[in-house]
Amino acid sequence: MEVVGGGLWNFFADDKFLQGFKHGVPWLWEPNCTNALYMPFLYSLCMVYEFRNILEIGVDQGHGTNILGYVAKKNNGQYVGIDINGSRFPHYKRYFEGLRYPVKFIEADTKEMTEIPMDKIDFVFIDGEHKTEPILHEVEMIWPKLQGKGWGYIAFHDVVDQGAQDAWKIVKEKYKDQAEFIAFHPNGGLGLMRKMI
């Protein structure tokens, strides 16, 4: 494909995740919008804003690490993944460090944490325990470190159903004067929160 103009057009033509996204991602067959639809969208958002410091809560099978860790690498930043089950972390560490991704994995229950071990945060994907109490606690820990003035984002998975919908409603009400919100469907929904103060 010939691209005319350069600049941003070259970004779309040359970027391995956007050009033929599914060719390097064998798990796209899964009927889960987190993988097939939301991650390319979040990846594009992170690349356009050149986010550097990225946090993911709920690493699970490492699909988000593959994409968000790549963003951190491209933008000379750091990816931190937190999951209550760290049994896969040694494998992930070898694999992603082999790709030279700047990754750090933390095995922890966020409900027992008192602080997120990052100085500044540009982007967060919350897809851990889909219950109100842990999600609200995670947001409280993230908020002071999240970039402001419209430059810090938190993405919440399953804000329509599957457990995170009540937390999403509470967060929207609590931070209504400090943030902007938008939600997307289908399959559990995706909510985006943008810190404006």
Protein backbone atom coordinates (compact mmCIF):
# COMPACT_ATOMS: atom_id res chain seq x y z
CA MET A 1 0.00 0.00 0.00
CA GLU A 2 1.38 3.39 -0.97
CA VAL A 3 0.84 6.16 1.53
CA VAL A 4 0.92 9.78 0.41
CA GLY A 5 1.93 12.64 2.69
CA GLY A 6 3.96 11.06 5.48
CA GLY A 7 3.70 12.16 9.10
CA LEU A 8 0.59 10.77 10.77
CA TRP A 9 -0.22 8.72 7.67
CA ASN A 10 3.07 6.87 8.05
CA PHE A 11 2.11 6.07 11.63
CA PHE A 12 -0.95 4.17 10.40
CA ALA A 13 0.91 2.55 7.52
CA ASP A 14 3.95 1.44 9.49
CA ASP A 15 2.53 0.59 12.91
CA LYS A 16 2.50 -3.18 13.38
CA PHE A 17 -0.62 -3.20 15.57
CA LEU A 18 -2.73 -1.07 13.26
CA GLN A 19 -1.57 -2.54 9.97
CA GLY A 20 -3.15 -5.96 9.78
CA PHE A 21 -3.78 -6.02 13.54
CA LYS A 22 -4.95 -9.62 13.65
CA HIS A 23 -1.90 -11.05 11.88
CA GLY A 24 0.23 -10.88 15.01
CA VAL A 25 -2.55 -11.49 17.52
CA PRO A 26 -3.76 -15.12 17.46
CA TRP A 27 -6.32 -14.63 20.26
CA LEU A 28 -8.63 -12.37 18.22
CA TRP A 29 -11.07 -15.23 17.67
CA GLU A 30 -12.17 -15.00 21.30
CA PRO A 31 -15.67 -13.49 21.67
CA ASN A 32 -14.47 -10.82 24.07
CA CYS A 33 -14.37 -7.15 23.16
CA THR A 34 -11.49 -6.57 25.56
CA ASN A 35 -9.27 -8.40 23.10
CA ALA A 36 -10.69 -7.94 19.64
CA LEU A 37 -12.09 -4.43 19.77
CA TYR A 38 -11.20 -2.45 22.86
CA MET A 39 -7.45 -3.02 22.89
CA PRO A 40 -6.83 -1.68 19.37
CA PHE A 41 -8.95 1.33 20.29
CA LEU A 42 -7.10 1.92 23.57
CA TYR A 43 -3.79 1.32 21.84
CA SER A 44 -4.58 4.01 19.27
CA LEU A 45 -5.63 6.42 22.02
CA CYS A 46 -2.39 5.81 23.93
CA MET A 47 -0.24 6.23 20.83
CA VAL A 48 -1.96 9.44 19.68
CA TYR A 49 -1.48 11.01 23.12
CA GLU A 50 2.00 9.49 23.46
CA PHE A 51 1.25 8.07 26.90
CA ARG A 52 4.37 6.87 28.68
CA ASN A 53 3.38 5.66 32.15
CA ILE A 54 0.78 2.94 31.83
CA LEU A 55 -0.91 0.86 34.53
CA GLU A 56 -3.01 -2.24 34.01
CA ILE A 57 -4.98 -3.81 36.84
CA GLY A 58 -5.93 -7.37 35.97
CA VAL A 59 -3.18 -8.75 33.72
CA ASP A 60 -4.73 -12.23 33.33
CA GLN A 61 -3.44 -13.74 30.05
CA GLY A 62 -1.22 -10.78 29.12
CA HIS A 63 -3.16 -9.55 26.09
CA GLY A 64 -3.14 -6.00 27.44
CA THR A 65 0.54 -6.27 28.32
CA ASN A 66 1.32 -7.12 24.71
CA ILE A 67 -0.32 -3.92 23.50
CA LEU A 68 0.13 -1.47 26.37
CA GLY A 69 3.69 -2.63 27.04
CA TYR A 70 4.48 -1.94 23.39
CA VAL A 71 3.09 1.60 23.79
CA ALA A 72 5.33 2.16 26.80
CA LYS A 73 8.32 0.96 24.79
CA LYS A 74 7.53 3.18 21.79
CA ASN A 75 7.05 6.22 24.03
CA ASN A 76 10.07 5.58 26.30
CA GLY A 77 7.89 4.94 29.32
CA GLN A 78 6.99 2.19 31.80
CA TYR A 79 4.22 -0.42 31.94
CA VAL A 80 3.14 -1.76 35.35
CA GLY A 81 0.77 -4.71 35.55
CA ILE A 82 -0.93 -5.76 38.79
CA ASP A 83 -2.75 -9.05 39.26
CA ILE A 84 -3.77 -11.08 42.29
CA ASN A 85 -2.54 -14.25 40.55
CA GLY A 86 1.10 -13.88 39.52
CA SER A 87 1.65 -17.49 38.46
CA ARG A 88 2.20 -16.40 34.85
CA PHE A 89 4.49 -13.49 35.70
CA PRO A 90 7.83 -15.36 35.32
CA HIS A 91 6.83 -16.39 31.79
CA TYR A 92 5.55 -12.89 30.97
CA LYS A 93 8.71 -11.31 32.35
CA ARG A 94 10.95 -13.44 30.11
CA TYR A 95 8.75 -12.96 27.06
CA PHE A 96 8.18 -9.21 27.28
CA GLU A 97 11.69 -8.40 28.42
CA GLY A 98 12.83 -10.41 25.40
CA LEU A 99 10.87 -7.93 23.30
CA ARG A 100 12.54 -5.15 25.32
CA TYR A 101 9.24 -3.93 26.70
CA PRO A 102 9.71 -1.81 29.85
CA VAL A 103 7.45 -3.97 32.02
CA LYS A 104 7.06 -4.49 35.73
CA PHE A 105 4.66 -7.03 37.24
CA ILE A 106 3.27 -6.91 40.76
CA GLU A 107 1.46 -9.82 42.34
CA ALA A 108 -0.97 -8.23 44.79
CA ASP A 109 -4.57 -7.88 45.82
CA THR A 110 -5.33 -4.21 45.16
CA LYS A 111 -7.77 -4.18 48.09
CA GLU A 112 -4.78 -4.64 50.39
CA MET A 113 -2.61 -2.02 48.69
CA THR A 114 -2.35 1.51 50.03
CA GLU A 115 -0.49 3.05 47.10
CA ILE A 116 0.19 2.45 43.42
CA PRO A 117 4.00 2.16 42.99
CA MET A 118 4.29 4.75 40.23
CA ASP A 119 5.17 8.44 40.42
CA LYS A 120 2.99 9.58 37.51
CA ILE A 121 0.32 7.78 35.53
CA ASP A 122 -0.90 8.70 32.04
CA PHE A 123 -3.23 5.80 31.31
CA VAL A 124 -4.86 3.02 33.31
CA PHE A 125 -6.86 -0.03 32.24
CA ILE A 126 -8.92 -1.46 35.11
CA ASP A 127 -10.00 -5.02 34.38
CA GLY A 128 -9.34 -6.78 37.68
CA GLU A 129 -11.91 -7.78 40.28
CA HIS A 130 -15.29 -6.70 38.90
CA LYS A 131 -16.77 -5.58 42.19
CA THR A 132 -17.62 -2.10 43.44
CA GLU A 133 -15.38 -1.92 46.52
CA PRO A 134 -12.07 -2.87 44.86
CA ILE A 135 -12.69 -0.67 41.82
CA LEU A 136 -13.45 2.37 43.98
CA HIS A 137 -10.33 1.70 46.06
CA GLU A 138 -8.22 1.41 42.89
CA VAL A 139 -9.51 4.74 41.58
CA GLU A 140 -8.73 6.43 44.91
CA MET A 141 -5.13 5.18 44.75
CA ILE A 142 -4.74 6.13 41.08
CA TRP A 143 -6.36 9.58 41.15
CA PRO A 144 -3.58 11.58 42.90
CA LYS A 145 -0.96 10.22 40.48
CA LEU A 146 -3.03 10.50 37.30
CA GLN A 147 -2.01 13.30 34.94
CA GLY A 148 -4.46 16.21 34.96
CA LYS A 149 -5.60 18.97 32.62
CA GLY A 150 -7.18 16.42 30.29
CA TRP A 151 -4.04 14.30 29.87
CA GLY A 152 -4.82 11.39 32.20
CA TYR A 153 -7.25 8.58 31.34
CA ILE A 154 -8.71 5.61 33.17
CA ALA A 155 -10.44 2.89 31.12
CA PHE A 156 -12.87 0.60 32.95
CA HIS A 157 -13.95 -2.73 31.49
CA ASP A 158 -17.49 -4.14 31.93
CA VAL A 159 -19.25 -0.90 32.91
CA VAL A 160 -22.55 -2.03 31.38
CA ASP A 161 -22.80 -5.40 33.08
CA GLN A 162 -20.62 -8.22 34.43
CA GLY A 163 -19.96 -6.53 37.76
CA ALA A 164 -18.38 -3.11 37.22
CA GLN A 165 -21.55 -1.14 36.45
CA ASP A 166 -22.24 0.03 40.03
CA ALA A 167 -18.67 1.25 40.54
CA TRP A 168 -18.87 3.10 37.21
CA LYS A 169 -22.02 4.93 38.35
CA ILE A 170 -20.45 5.88 41.69
CA VAL A 171 -17.21 7.09 40.06
CA LYS A 172 -19.16 9.23 37.59
CA GLU A 173 -21.10 10.86 40.40
CA LYS A 174 -18.14 11.34 42.74
CA TYR A 175 -15.84 12.87 40.12
CA LYS A 176 -18.47 14.65 38.00
CA ASP A 177 -16.87 18.07 38.59
CA GLN A 178 -13.32 16.81 38.06
CA ALA A 179 -13.52 14.51 35.04
CA GLU A 180 -15.23 13.75 31.74
CA PHE A 181 -16.85 10.38 31.00
CA ILE A 182 -17.95 8.32 28.03
CA ALA A 183 -19.05 4.69 27.76
CA PHE A 184 -19.01 2.30 24.81
CA HIS A 185 -20.87 -0.95 24.13
CA PRO A 186 -21.19 -3.95 23.53
CA ASN A 187 -20.06 -7.03 25.46
CA GLY A 188 -19.73 -5.62 28.94
CA GLY A 189 -19.01 -2.08 27.84
CA LEU A 190 -15.95 0.12 28.15
CA GLY A 191 -15.91 3.32 30.18
CA LEU A 192 -13.39 6.13 29.75
CA MET A 193 -12.69 8.69 32.45
CA ARG A 194 -10.57 11.75 31.64
CA LYS A 195 -9.11 13.80 34.52
CA MET A 196 -9.72 17.48 33.86
CA ILE A 197 -8.41 19.26 36.99
